[in-house]
Amino acid sequence: MKRWMAVVCCLLILACAGCGKTQQTQKMYLQTAELTEKETAILQLAGADLNEKIYDFRADASLQSVRLCLYRLQDRRWEQVSDGVRAFQQDGGRIAISFDDLGAGHRFALQGKDAFSATAHRSNAPPDRTGTQMVTSWLSGCQELRYEEEIPLVLQVCTAKDEVRSYDTSCFFQPEVFEDYEFVYAVTAMFSRQTVEENDQEREGLAG
């Protein structure tokens, strides 16, 4: 885990100067990072697995916090497994996501020009995947970034069925399409004009 954190921190710091090199059609956006040869070599040297990806994002001066959330589908509804809101008062940066089986654990990292944070979550009872197959899909291309709206970054389906298809991440908003599968997970990002404290107060109010 320490090695992963060090590698991600190095990659994200290297990337900060390169963010925004590609011209975008949207003023605010999130897209898969275009890694340089040096960055790719660092990942290979660290033995990074396939389920590891870095996203660039561009917002504006009103950005106050970023929320990264892991969900599991239960009875056709998304239930939170882990949820973290991080203070972020810069207009752009990078998000790194790493995992093998989302039911067993994951690692998230967030980097800006002057800030870095990373968290890891591991299940106390990792699921037994014997006799199952798993399909993971990632957000690809460039996605418009809008405040207070979730952007699905990852969908992972695990099933004992003979056939399983790969779903576009936009299917996060249609959970009913996954009703035939035993295990479905999703990772989302949300960018907010609210501070961490304001987000916490809002969620406490909804819970009450």
Protein backbone atom coordinates (compact mmCIF):
# COMPACT_ATOMS: atom_id res chain seq x y z
CA MET A 1 0.00 0.00 0.00
CA LYS A 2 2.83 2.41 0.88
CA ARG A 3 4.46 1.73 -2.48
CA TRP A 4 1.18 2.43 -4.29
CA MET A 5 0.75 5.72 -2.43
CA ALA A 6 4.29 6.78 -3.30
CA VAL A 7 3.87 5.88 -6.97
CA VAL A 8 0.51 7.67 -7.27
CA CYS A 9 1.85 10.75 -5.50
CA CYS A 10 4.82 10.85 -7.88
CA LEU A 11 2.59 10.41 -10.94
CA LEU A 12 0.13 13.07 -9.89
CA ILE A 13 2.84 15.58 -9.08
CA LEU A 14 4.46 14.96 -12.47
CA ALA A 15 1.07 15.43 -14.10
CA CYS A 16 0.09 18.76 -12.59
CA ALA A 17 2.20 20.79 -14.98
CA GLY A 18 0.75 18.88 -17.91
CA CYS A 19 -2.93 19.20 -17.07
CA GLY A 20 -4.88 20.99 -19.73
CA LYS A 21 -2.48 20.37 -22.60
CA THR A 22 -5.31 18.86 -24.63
CA GLN A 23 -7.84 21.44 -25.78
CA GLN A 24 -11.32 20.73 -24.45
CA THR A 25 -14.73 21.63 -25.82
CA GLN A 26 -16.06 22.14 -22.27
CA LYS A 27 -14.79 24.74 -19.86
CA MET A 28 -15.16 22.25 -16.99
CA TYR A 29 -14.48 18.59 -17.70
CA LEU A 30 -13.19 15.24 -16.49
CA GLN A 31 -11.31 12.85 -18.77
CA THR A 32 -8.94 9.90 -18.76
CA ALA A 33 -5.42 11.22 -18.23
CA GLU A 34 -3.04 10.98 -21.17
CA LEU A 35 0.05 9.59 -19.46
CA THR A 36 3.49 10.44 -20.74
CA GLU A 37 6.04 7.72 -21.45
CA LYS A 38 7.73 8.57 -18.16
CA GLU A 39 4.49 8.21 -16.20
CA THR A 40 3.65 4.91 -17.91
CA ALA A 41 7.13 3.59 -17.13
CA ILE A 42 6.67 4.46 -13.44
CA LEU A 43 3.41 2.50 -13.31
CA GLN A 44 5.01 -0.49 -15.02
CA LEU A 45 7.99 -0.38 -12.66
CA ALA A 46 5.63 -0.42 -9.68
CA GLY A 47 3.76 -3.40 -11.10
CA ALA A 48 0.47 -1.55 -11.39
CA ASP A 49 -2.47 -3.81 -12.13
CA LEU A 50 -4.95 -3.36 -14.95
CA ASN A 51 -7.66 -1.88 -12.73
CA GLU A 52 -5.80 1.36 -12.15
CA LYS A 53 -6.64 4.62 -13.86
CA ILE A 54 -5.95 8.33 -13.55
CA TYR A 55 -8.37 11.10 -14.54
CA ASP A 56 -7.67 14.77 -15.23
CA PHE A 57 -10.31 17.30 -14.27
CA ARG A 58 -10.79 21.02 -14.77
CA ALA A 59 -13.28 23.10 -12.78
CA ASP A 60 -13.22 26.80 -11.81
CA ALA A 61 -12.48 28.99 -8.81
CA SER A 62 -15.76 28.11 -7.07
CA LEU A 63 -14.77 24.47 -6.47
CA GLN A 64 -14.67 23.75 -2.72
CA SER A 65 -14.71 19.96 -2.35
CA VAL A 66 -14.55 16.64 -4.20
CA ARG A 67 -16.46 13.54 -3.18
CA LEU A 68 -15.43 10.00 -4.19
CA CYS A 69 -17.94 7.28 -3.42
CA LEU A 70 -18.13 3.49 -3.73
CA TYR A 71 -21.57 1.91 -4.08
CA ARG A 72 -22.92 -1.63 -4.10
CA LEU A 73 -26.24 -2.41 -5.77
CA GLN A 74 -28.86 -3.81 -3.37
CA ASP A 75 -32.44 -4.47 -4.45
CA ARG A 76 -32.04 -2.23 -7.51
CA ARG A 77 -30.80 0.67 -5.40
CA TRP A 78 -27.28 1.98 -4.86
CA GLU A 79 -26.06 1.73 -1.27
CA GLN A 80 -22.88 3.44 -0.11
CA VAL A 81 -19.96 1.26 0.92
CA SER A 82 -17.48 4.09 1.42
CA ASP A 83 -17.82 7.82 1.01
CA GLY A 84 -15.19 10.51 1.37
CA VAL A 85 -15.48 14.27 0.85
CA ARG A 86 -12.17 16.09 0.51
CA ALA A 87 -11.55 19.83 0.67
CA PHE A 88 -10.26 21.01 -2.70
CA GLN A 89 -10.04 24.71 -3.50
CA GLN A 90 -8.19 24.62 -6.80
CA ASP A 91 -9.49 24.74 -10.35
CA GLY A 92 -8.03 21.44 -11.54
CA GLY A 93 -6.16 18.29 -10.66
CA ARG A 94 -6.15 14.52 -10.95
CA ILE A 95 -7.99 11.56 -9.45
CA ALA A 96 -6.37 8.11 -9.23
CA ILE A 97 -8.35 4.91 -8.64
CA SER A 98 -6.88 1.46 -7.99
CA PHE A 99 -8.51 -1.87 -7.14
CA ASP A 100 -8.85 -5.50 -8.13
CA ASP A 101 -12.22 -6.50 -6.71
CA LEU A 102 -14.28 -3.53 -5.52
CA GLY A 103 -16.00 -5.83 -3.05
CA ALA A 104 -12.65 -6.46 -1.36
CA GLY A 105 -11.21 -2.96 -1.33
CA HIS A 106 -9.96 0.06 -3.24
CA ARG A 107 -7.61 3.05 -3.10
CA PHE A 108 -8.46 6.61 -4.11
CA ALA A 109 -6.10 9.58 -4.47
CA LEU A 110 -6.72 13.25 -5.23
CA GLN A 111 -4.01 15.66 -6.35
CA GLY A 112 -3.92 19.38 -7.04
CA LYS A 113 -1.05 21.80 -7.46
CA ASP A 114 -0.74 22.35 -3.72
CA ALA A 115 -2.51 19.38 -2.16
CA PHE A 116 -2.49 15.59 -2.08
CA SER A 117 -4.75 13.14 -0.24
CA ALA A 118 -5.22 9.39 -0.49
CA THR A 119 -7.47 6.86 1.21
CA ALA A 120 -7.74 3.08 1.19
CA HIS A 121 -10.69 0.87 2.12
CA ARG A 122 -10.56 -2.88 2.72
CA SER A 123 -13.50 -5.15 3.44
CA ASN A 124 -13.43 -7.01 6.76
CA ALA A 125 -14.85 -10.03 4.96
CA PRO A 126 -13.61 -10.17 1.34
CA PRO A 127 -16.13 -11.99 -0.87
CA ASP A 128 -15.46 -15.47 -2.24
CA ARG A 129 -15.43 -15.16 -6.04
CA THR A 130 -14.91 -18.87 -6.78
CA GLY A 131 -16.78 -19.87 -9.93
CA THR A 132 -17.58 -16.29 -10.92
CA GLN A 133 -16.46 -13.96 -13.67
CA MET A 134 -15.95 -10.22 -13.43
CA VAL A 135 -16.27 -7.39 -15.94
CA THR A 136 -15.09 -3.85 -15.24
CA SER A 137 -15.87 -0.76 -17.32
CA TRP A 138 -14.39 2.72 -16.96
CA LEU A 139 -15.49 6.19 -17.98
CA SER A 140 -13.80 6.96 -21.28
CA GLY A 141 -13.49 10.10 -23.33
CA CYS A 142 -14.23 13.57 -22.01
CA GLN A 143 -17.15 14.18 -19.65
CA GLU A 144 -18.61 17.59 -18.89
CA LEU A 145 -18.19 18.48 -15.23
CA ARG A 146 -21.20 20.01 -13.49
CA TYR A 147 -21.31 20.94 -9.84
CA GLU A 148 -23.39 18.81 -7.45
CA GLU A 149 -23.82 16.04 -10.06
CA GLU A 150 -22.30 12.58 -9.73
CA ILE A 151 -20.07 11.32 -12.53
CA PRO A 152 -19.81 7.51 -12.66
CA LEU A 153 -16.18 6.51 -13.19
CA VAL A 154 -16.30 2.72 -12.76
CA LEU A 155 -18.84 -0.10 -13.01
CA GLN A 156 -17.92 -3.63 -11.96
CA VAL A 157 -20.17 -6.66 -12.41
CA CYS A 158 -19.43 -10.04 -10.81
CA THR A 159 -21.62 -13.06 -11.49
CA ALA A 160 -21.71 -16.84 -11.61
CA LYS A 161 -23.78 -16.69 -14.80
CA ASP A 162 -22.30 -18.02 -18.02
CA GLU A 163 -22.67 -14.71 -19.81
CA VAL A 164 -21.95 -11.20 -18.60
CA ARG A 165 -21.70 -8.05 -20.66
CA SER A 166 -19.79 -4.83 -20.18
CA TYR A 167 -21.94 -1.78 -19.44
CA ASP A 168 -21.25 1.85 -20.19
CA THR A 169 -20.74 3.82 -16.99
CA SER A 170 -23.84 5.90 -17.80
CA CYS A 171 -25.87 2.80 -16.84
CA PHE A 172 -25.20 3.81 -13.25
CA PHE A 173 -28.34 5.91 -13.62
CA GLN A 174 -30.35 2.84 -14.72
CA PRO A 175 -29.69 0.34 -11.92
CA GLU A 176 -32.56 -1.86 -13.05
CA VAL A 177 -30.44 -3.15 -15.97
CA PHE A 178 -28.26 -5.04 -13.46
CA GLU A 179 -31.04 -6.94 -11.69
CA ASP A 180 -29.88 -10.33 -13.03
CA TYR A 181 -26.39 -10.05 -11.52
CA GLU A 182 -25.33 -11.02 -8.01
CA PHE A 183 -22.73 -8.32 -7.37
CA VAL A 184 -22.56 -4.87 -8.96
CA TYR A 185 -20.35 -2.00 -7.78
CA ALA A 186 -19.84 1.59 -8.89
CA VAL A 187 -17.40 4.41 -8.18
CA THR A 188 -18.51 8.01 -8.67
CA ALA A 189 -17.01 11.47 -8.33
CA MET A 190 -18.90 14.64 -7.46
CA PHE A 191 -17.52 18.17 -7.51
CA SER A 192 -19.13 20.72 -5.24
CA ARG A 193 -19.29 24.43 -4.48
CA GLN A 194 -19.99 23.43 -0.89
CA THR A 195 -17.25 23.03 1.71
CA VAL A 196 -16.68 19.72 3.51
CA GLU A 197 -18.51 21.09 6.56
CA GLU A 198 -21.50 22.20 4.46
CA ASN A 199 -21.64 18.77 2.80
CA ASP A 200 -21.58 17.07 6.20
CA GLN A 201 -24.36 19.29 7.53
CA GLU A 202 -26.49 18.62 4.46
CA ARG A 203 -26.10 14.84 4.78
CA GLU A 204 -26.87 14.97 8.50
CA GLY A 205 -30.03 16.91 7.70
CA LEU A 206 -31.11 14.34 5.12
CA ALA A 207 -30.37 11.49 7.54
CA GLY A 208 -32.39 13.19 10.25
